[in-house]
C-alpha atoms as a PDB file:
ATOM      1  CA  MET A   1       0.000   0.000   0.000  1.00  0.00           C
ATOM      2  CA  SER A   2       1.384   3.410  -0.867  1.00  0.00           C
ATOM      3  CA  ARG A   3       2.415   5.725   1.948  1.00  0.00           C
ATOM      4  CA  LYS A   4      -0.354   8.107   0.888  1.00  0.00           C
ATOM      5  CA  PHE A   5      -3.039   5.523   1.652  1.00  0.00           C
ATOM      6  CA  LYS A   6      -2.345   4.277   5.150  1.00  0.00           C
ATOM      7  CA  ILE A   7      -4.296   4.443   8.351  1.00  0.00           C
ATOM      8  CA  ARG A   8      -1.963   6.416  10.571  1.00  0.00           C
ATOM      9  CA  ASP A   9      -4.265   7.707  13.304  1.00  0.00           C
ATOM     10  CA  GLN A  10      -6.417   4.983  14.870  1.00  0.00           C
ATOM     11  CA  GLU A  11      -8.652   7.613  16.467  1.00  0.00           C
ATOM     12  CA  ALA A  12      -9.480   9.347  13.161  1.00  0.00           C
ATOM     13  CA  ILE A  13     -12.413   8.938  10.783  1.00  0.00           C
ATOM     14  CA  TYR A  14     -11.665   7.574   7.298  1.00  0.00           C
ATOM     15  CA  PHE A  15     -13.262   7.415   3.878  1.00  0.00           C
ATOM     16  CA  VAL A  16     -12.703   4.028   2.209  1.00  0.00           C
ATOM     17  CA  THR A  17     -13.810   2.338  -0.984  1.00  0.00           C
ATOM     18  CA  PHE A  18     -14.094  -1.413  -1.497  1.00  0.00           C
ATOM     19  CA  THR A  19     -14.090  -2.247  -5.212  1.00  0.00           C
ATOM     20  CA  VAL A  20     -14.899  -5.583  -6.836  1.00  0.00           C
ATOM     21  CA  ILE A  21     -12.214  -6.718  -9.282  1.00  0.00           C
ATOM     22  CA  GLN A  22     -12.722  -5.324 -12.778  1.00  0.00           C
ATOM     23  CA  TRP A  23     -15.604  -3.273 -11.379  1.00  0.00           C
ATOM     24  CA  LEU A  24     -17.871  -6.297 -11.798  1.00  0.00           C
ATOM     25  CA  ASP A  25     -21.551  -5.667 -11.028  1.00  0.00           C
ATOM     26  CA  VAL A  26     -21.970  -8.133  -8.185  1.00  0.00           C
ATOM     27  CA  PHE A  27     -24.157  -6.193  -5.763  1.00  0.00           C
ATOM     28  CA  ILE A  28     -27.120  -6.264  -8.111  1.00  0.00           C
ATOM     29  CA  ARG A  29     -28.389  -9.263  -6.148  1.00  0.00           C
ATOM     30  CA  GLN A  30     -29.901  -8.915  -2.687  1.00  0.00           C
ATOM     31  CA  GLU A  31     -28.172 -11.969  -1.241  1.00  0.00           C
ATOM     32  CA  TYR A  32     -24.689 -10.605  -2.011  1.00  0.00           C
ATOM     33  CA  ARG A  33     -25.523  -7.232  -0.476  1.00  0.00           C
ATOM     34  CA  ASP A  34     -26.854  -9.062   2.582  1.00  0.00           C
ATOM     35  CA  VAL A  35     -23.537 -10.878   3.053  1.00  0.00           C
ATOM     36  CA  PHE A  36     -21.752  -7.525   3.056  1.00  0.00           C
ATOM     37  CA  LEU A  37     -24.278  -5.855   5.359  1.00  0.00           C
ATOM     38  CA  ASP A  38     -24.270  -8.779   7.811  1.00  0.00           C
ATOM     39  CA  SER A  39     -20.485  -8.580   7.987  1.00  0.00           C
ATOM     40  CA  ILE A  40     -20.616  -4.853   8.732  1.00  0.00           C
ATOM     41  CA  ARG A  41     -23.241  -5.416  11.436  1.00  0.00           C
ATOM     42  CA  TYR A  42     -21.081  -8.112  13.005  1.00  0.00           C
ATOM     43  CA  CYS A  43     -18.054  -5.800  13.047  1.00  0.00           C
ATOM     44  CA  GLN A  44     -20.150  -2.992  14.533  1.00  0.00           C
ATOM     45  CA  LYS A  45     -21.281  -5.273  17.335  1.00  0.00           C
ATOM     46  CA  ASN A  46     -18.113  -7.280  17.958  1.00  0.00           C
ATOM     47  CA  LYS A  47     -15.080  -5.433  16.594  1.00  0.00           C
ATOM     48  CA  GLY A  48     -15.704  -1.796  17.472  1.00  0.00           C
ATOM     49  CA  LEU A  49     -16.468  -0.652  13.919  1.00  0.00           C
ATOM     50  CA  GLU A  50     -18.162   2.745  13.747  1.00  0.00           C
ATOM     51  CA  VAL A  51     -20.008   3.468  10.500  1.00  0.00           C
ATOM     52  CA  TYR A  52     -20.860   7.093   9.760  1.00  0.00           C
ATOM     53  CA  ALA A  53     -21.907   6.736   6.127  1.00  0.00           C
ATOM     54  CA  TYR A  54     -22.072   4.125   3.386  1.00  0.00           C
ATOM     55  CA  CYS A  55     -23.347   3.448  -0.095  1.00  0.00           C
ATOM     56  CA  ILE A  56     -23.415   0.048  -1.756  1.00  0.00           C
ATOM     57  CA  MET A  57     -23.280   0.451  -5.515  1.00  0.00           C
ATOM     58  CA  SER A  58     -23.308  -2.444  -7.992  1.00  0.00           C
ATOM     59  CA  SER A  59     -19.520  -2.831  -8.152  1.00  0.00           C
ATOM     60  CA  HIS A  60     -18.167  -0.972  -5.130  1.00  0.00           C
ATOM     61  CA  VAL A  61     -18.916   0.262  -1.635  1.00  0.00           C
ATOM     62  CA  HIS A  62     -18.042   3.665  -0.178  1.00  0.00           C
ATOM     63  CA  MET A  63     -17.899   4.118   3.580  1.00  0.00           C
ATOM     64  CA  ILE A  64     -16.964   6.640   6.219  1.00  0.00           C
ATOM     65  CA  LEU A  65     -15.834   4.739   9.261  1.00  0.00           C
ATOM     66  CA  ALA A  66     -13.728   4.659  12.384  1.00  0.00           C
ATOM     67  CA  ARG A  67     -13.218   2.338  15.283  1.00  0.00           C
ATOM     68  CA  HIS A  68     -13.410   2.305  19.041  1.00  0.00           C
ATOM     69  CA  GLY A  69     -11.726  -0.256  21.213  1.00  0.00           C
ATOM     70  CA  LYS A  70      -8.471  -2.074  20.793  1.00  0.00           C
ATOM     71  CA  GLN A  71      -8.608  -3.438  17.241  1.00  0.00           C
ATOM     72  CA  ASN A  72      -6.789  -1.433  14.593  1.00  0.00           C
ATOM     73  CA  LEU A  73      -9.080  -0.120  11.878  1.00  0.00           C
ATOM     74  CA  GLU A  74      -6.979  -1.652   9.093  1.00  0.00           C
ATOM     75  CA  HIS A  75      -7.416  -5.055  10.755  1.00  0.00           C
ATOM     76  CA  VAL A  76     -11.181  -4.655  10.875  1.00  0.00           C
ATOM     77  CA  ILE A  77     -11.177  -3.619   7.192  1.00  0.00           C
ATOM     78  CA  ARG A  78      -8.982  -6.617   6.345  1.00  0.00           C
ATOM     79  CA  ASP A  79     -11.372  -8.942   8.189  1.00  0.00           C
ATOM     80  CA  ILE A  80     -14.418  -7.492   6.415  1.00  0.00           C
ATOM     81  CA  LYS A  81     -12.835  -7.897   3.006  1.00  0.00           C
ATOM     82  CA  LYS A  82     -11.545 -11.401   3.713  1.00  0.00           C
ATOM     83  CA  PHE A  83     -14.841 -12.675   5.124  1.00  0.00           C
ATOM     84  CA  THR A  84     -17.104 -11.055   2.530  1.00  0.00           C
ATOM     85  CA  SER A  85     -14.845 -12.165  -0.292  1.00  0.00           C
ATOM     86  CA  SER A  86     -15.098 -15.833   0.603  1.00  0.00           C
ATOM     87  CA  LYS A  87     -18.813 -15.710   1.504  1.00  0.00           C
ATOM     88  CA  ILE A  88     -19.882 -13.826  -1.631  1.00  0.00           C
ATOM     89  CA  ILE A  89     -17.813 -16.085  -3.888  1.00  0.00           C
ATOM     90  CA  GLU A  90     -19.376 -19.097  -2.165  1.00  0.00           C
ATOM     91  CA  ALA A  91     -22.864 -17.611  -2.615  1.00  0.00           C
ATOM     92  CA  ILE A  92     -22.209 -16.968  -6.301  1.00  0.00           C
ATOM     93  CA  SER A  93     -20.848 -20.480  -6.850  1.00  0.00           C
ATOM     94  CA  LYS A  94     -23.938 -22.060  -5.248  1.00  0.00           C
ATOM     95  CA  ASN A  95     -26.586 -19.749  -6.700  1.00  0.00           C
ATOM     96  CA  PRO A  96     -28.582 -21.569  -9.396  1.00  0.00           C
ATOM     97  CA  GLN A  97     -30.193 -18.245 -10.380  1.00  0.00           C
ATOM     98  CA  GLU A  98     -26.815 -16.629 -11.135  1.00  0.00           C
ATOM     99  CA  SER A  99     -26.679 -16.575 -14.931  1.00  0.00           C
ATOM    100  CA  ARG A 100     -23.094 -15.234 -14.846  1.00  0.00           C
ATOM    101  CA  ARG A 101     -21.811 -17.804 -12.358  1.00  0.00           C
ATOM    102  CA  GLU A 102     -19.227 -19.488 -14.611  1.00  0.00           C
ATOM    103  CA  LEU A 103     -17.913 -16.193 -15.932  1.00  0.00           C
ATOM    104  CA  LEU A 104     -17.689 -14.583 -12.489  1.00  0.00           C
ATOM    105  CA  MET A 105     -15.979 -17.608 -10.966  1.00  0.00           C
ATOM    106  CA  TRP A 106     -13.487 -17.701 -13.837  1.00  0.00           C
ATOM    107  CA  LEU A 107     -12.725 -13.984 -13.391  1.00  0.00           C
ATOM    108  CA  PHE A 108     -12.296 -14.328  -9.610  1.00  0.00           C
ATOM    109  CA  GLU A 109     -10.019 -17.337 -10.090  1.00  0.00           C
ATOM    110  CA  ARG A 110      -7.996 -15.615 -12.797  1.00  0.00           C
ATOM    111  CA  ALA A 111      -7.494 -12.543 -10.607  1.00  0.00           C
ATOM    112  CA  GLY A 112      -6.527 -14.779  -7.684  1.00  0.00           C
ATOM    113  CA  THR A 113      -3.835 -16.623  -9.611  1.00  0.00           C
ATOM    114  CA  TYR A 114      -2.162 -13.324 -10.525  1.00  0.00           C
ATOM    115  CA  ASN A 115      -2.134 -12.060  -6.947  1.00  0.00           C
ATOM    116  CA  PRO A 116       0.373 -13.683  -4.569  1.00  0.00           C
ATOM    117  CA  HIS A 117      -1.714 -12.530  -1.569  1.00  0.00           C
ATOM    118  CA  ASN A 118      -4.545 -14.927  -2.506  1.00  0.00           C
ATOM    119  CA  THR A 119      -4.715 -18.684  -2.361  1.00  0.00           C
ATOM    120  CA  HIS A 120      -7.286 -19.221  -5.098  1.00  0.00           C
ATOM    121  CA  TYR A 121      -9.818 -16.442  -5.763  1.00  0.00           C
ATOM    122  CA  GLN A 122      -9.813 -12.665  -5.552  1.00  0.00           C
ATOM    123  CA  PHE A 123     -13.046 -10.720  -5.116  1.00  0.00           C
ATOM    124  CA  TRP A 124     -11.986  -7.242  -3.953  1.00  0.00           C
ATOM    125  CA  LEU A 125      -9.263  -5.055  -5.366  1.00  0.00           C
ATOM    126  CA  GLN A 126      -6.363  -5.112  -2.933  1.00  0.00           C
ATOM    127  CA  HIS A 127      -6.508  -1.565  -1.581  1.00  0.00           C
ATOM    128  CA  SER A 128      -9.285   0.433   0.047  1.00  0.00           C
ATOM    129  CA  HIS A 129      -7.453   3.767  -0.253  1.00  0.00           C
ATOM    130  CA  PRO A 130      -8.265   5.113   3.204  1.00  0.00           C
ATOM    131  CA  ILE A 131      -8.374   8.905   3.329  1.00  0.00           C
ATOM    132  CA  GLU A 132      -8.305  10.548   6.731  1.00  0.00           C
ATOM    133  CA  LEU A 133     -11.153  13.006   7.116  1.00  0.00           C
ATOM    134  CA  ASN A 134      -9.357  15.430   9.400  1.00  0.00           C
ATOM    135  CA  THR A 135     -11.303  18.579   8.522  1.00  0.00           C
ATOM    136  CA  GLY A 136     -14.996  19.388   8.406  1.00  0.00           C
ATOM    137  CA  GLU A 137     -14.637  20.289   4.744  1.00  0.00           C
ATOM    138  CA  LYS A 138     -13.190  16.874   3.838  1.00  0.00           C
ATOM    139  CA  LEU A 139     -15.829  15.093   5.905  1.00  0.00           C
ATOM    140  CA  ASN A 140     -18.738  16.976   4.331  1.00  0.00           C
ATOM    141  CA  GLN A 141     -17.316  16.578   0.818  1.00  0.00           C
ATOM    142  CA  ARG A 142     -17.024  12.785   1.197  1.00  0.00           C
ATOM    143  CA  LEU A 143     -20.433  12.516   2.871  1.00  0.00           C
ATOM    144  CA  ASP A 144     -22.045  14.366  -0.046  1.00  0.00           C
ATOM    145  CA  TYR A 145     -20.081  12.264  -2.524  1.00  0.00           C
ATOM    146  CA  ILE A 146     -21.244   9.002  -0.938  1.00  0.00           C
ATOM    147  CA  HIS A 147     -24.895  10.027  -0.723  1.00  0.00           C
ATOM    148  CA  ASN A 148     -25.008  11.478  -4.236  1.00  0.00           C
ATOM    149  CA  ASN A 149     -23.328   8.488  -5.884  1.00  0.00           C
ATOM    150  CA  PRO A 150     -26.652   6.795  -6.833  1.00  0.00           C
ATOM    151  CA  VAL A 151     -28.053  10.124  -8.036  1.00  0.00           C
ATOM    152  CA  VAL A 152     -25.076  10.766 -10.319  1.00  0.00           C
ATOM    153  CA  ALA A 153     -25.343   7.166 -11.568  1.00  0.00           C
ATOM    154  CA  GLY A 154     -28.979   7.836 -12.536  1.00  0.00           C
ATOM    155  CA  ILE A 155     -30.416   5.214 -10.185  1.00  0.00           C
ATOM    156  CA  VAL A 156     -32.521   7.578  -8.077  1.00  0.00           C
ATOM    157  CA  ARG A 157     -33.559  11.194  -8.198  1.00  0.00           C
ATOM    158  CA  TYR A 158     -32.887  11.958  -4.516  1.00  0.00           C
ATOM    159  CA  PRO A 159     -30.141  10.467  -2.315  1.00  0.00           C
ATOM    160  CA  GLU A 160     -32.546   9.362   0.434  1.00  0.00           C
ATOM    161  CA  ASP A 161     -34.493   7.258  -2.089  1.00  0.00           C
ATOM    162  CA  TYR A 162     -31.590   4.829  -2.462  1.00  0.00           C
ATOM    163  CA  LEU A 163     -32.125   1.954  -0.033  1.00  0.00           C
ATOM    164  CA  TYR A 164     -28.484   0.857   0.235  1.00  0.00           C
ATOM    165  CA  SER A 165     -27.122   4.169   1.447  1.00  0.00           C
ATOM    166  CA  SER A 166     -26.982   6.040   4.711  1.00  0.00           C
ATOM    167  CA  ALA A 167     -28.709   9.011   3.044  1.00  0.00           C
ATOM    168  CA  GLY A 168     -31.976   7.624   4.431  1.00  0.00           C
ATOM    169  CA  ASN A 169     -30.492   7.601   7.934  1.00  0.00           C
ATOM    170  CA  TYR A 170     -29.465  11.236   7.557  1.00  0.00           C
ATOM    171  CA  ALA A 171     -32.929  12.119   6.221  1.00  0.00           C
ATOM    172  CA  ARG A 172     -34.345  10.463   9.365  1.00  0.00           C
ATOM    173  CA  LEU A 173     -36.373   7.958   7.364  1.00  0.00           C
ATOM    174  CA  PRO A 174     -37.891   5.254   9.579  1.00  0.00           C
ATOM    175  CA  GLU A 175     -36.448   2.136   7.934  1.00  0.00           C
ATOM    176  CA  ASN A 176     -32.780   1.755   7.084  1.00  0.00           C
ATOM    177  CA  VAL A 177     -30.782  -1.350   6.226  1.00  0.00           C
ATOM    178  CA  LEU A 178     -27.795  -0.412   8.402  1.00  0.00           C
ATOM    179  CA  GLU A 179     -27.431   1.666  11.541  1.00  0.00           C
ATOM    180  CA  VAL A 180     -24.970   4.547  11.344  1.00  0.00           C
ATOM    181  CA  ILE A 181     -23.654   7.228  13.633  1.00  0.00           C
ATOM    182  CA  ILE A 182     -24.992  10.538  12.343  1.00  0.00           C
ATOM    183  CA  ILE A 183     -22.266  13.144  11.979  1.00  0.00           C
END
């Protein structure tokens, strides 16, 4: 990981992006999003993960997060990526409704063979490019970016209409798929 993209201050808040290899549209299926969301919920409850904002797009996830407790944030991120990678690949391989199963599995395997950090498959791109949000301006810019991602992509007209984003939490809508800490 480049020196520019390192978690240096464990007490800081960071913007991160998890990207599926080749920007593959994996999160178009509910069950794959659920694997990711369940992993985040587990880390919130058991590993001290604090989520301030998120948006799950079809090929990537943006988040603003931090941690409390003893575990280093980069270790929590590593655990999320490792767990979700294996569980989503397993879900894809066993999903009879997945019309792209053979292609996706071939692409994950191909990416895994070219990466010495993997044993067989690779789901996520290696880096999450954490950016420390050490000013209010940076924090607000990234928060707006995350919440407007589905609007810019043409999926919804208003950020709070996108179910897989914390924009609904910030709009104080009653039902949200993931609890966040409002900034």
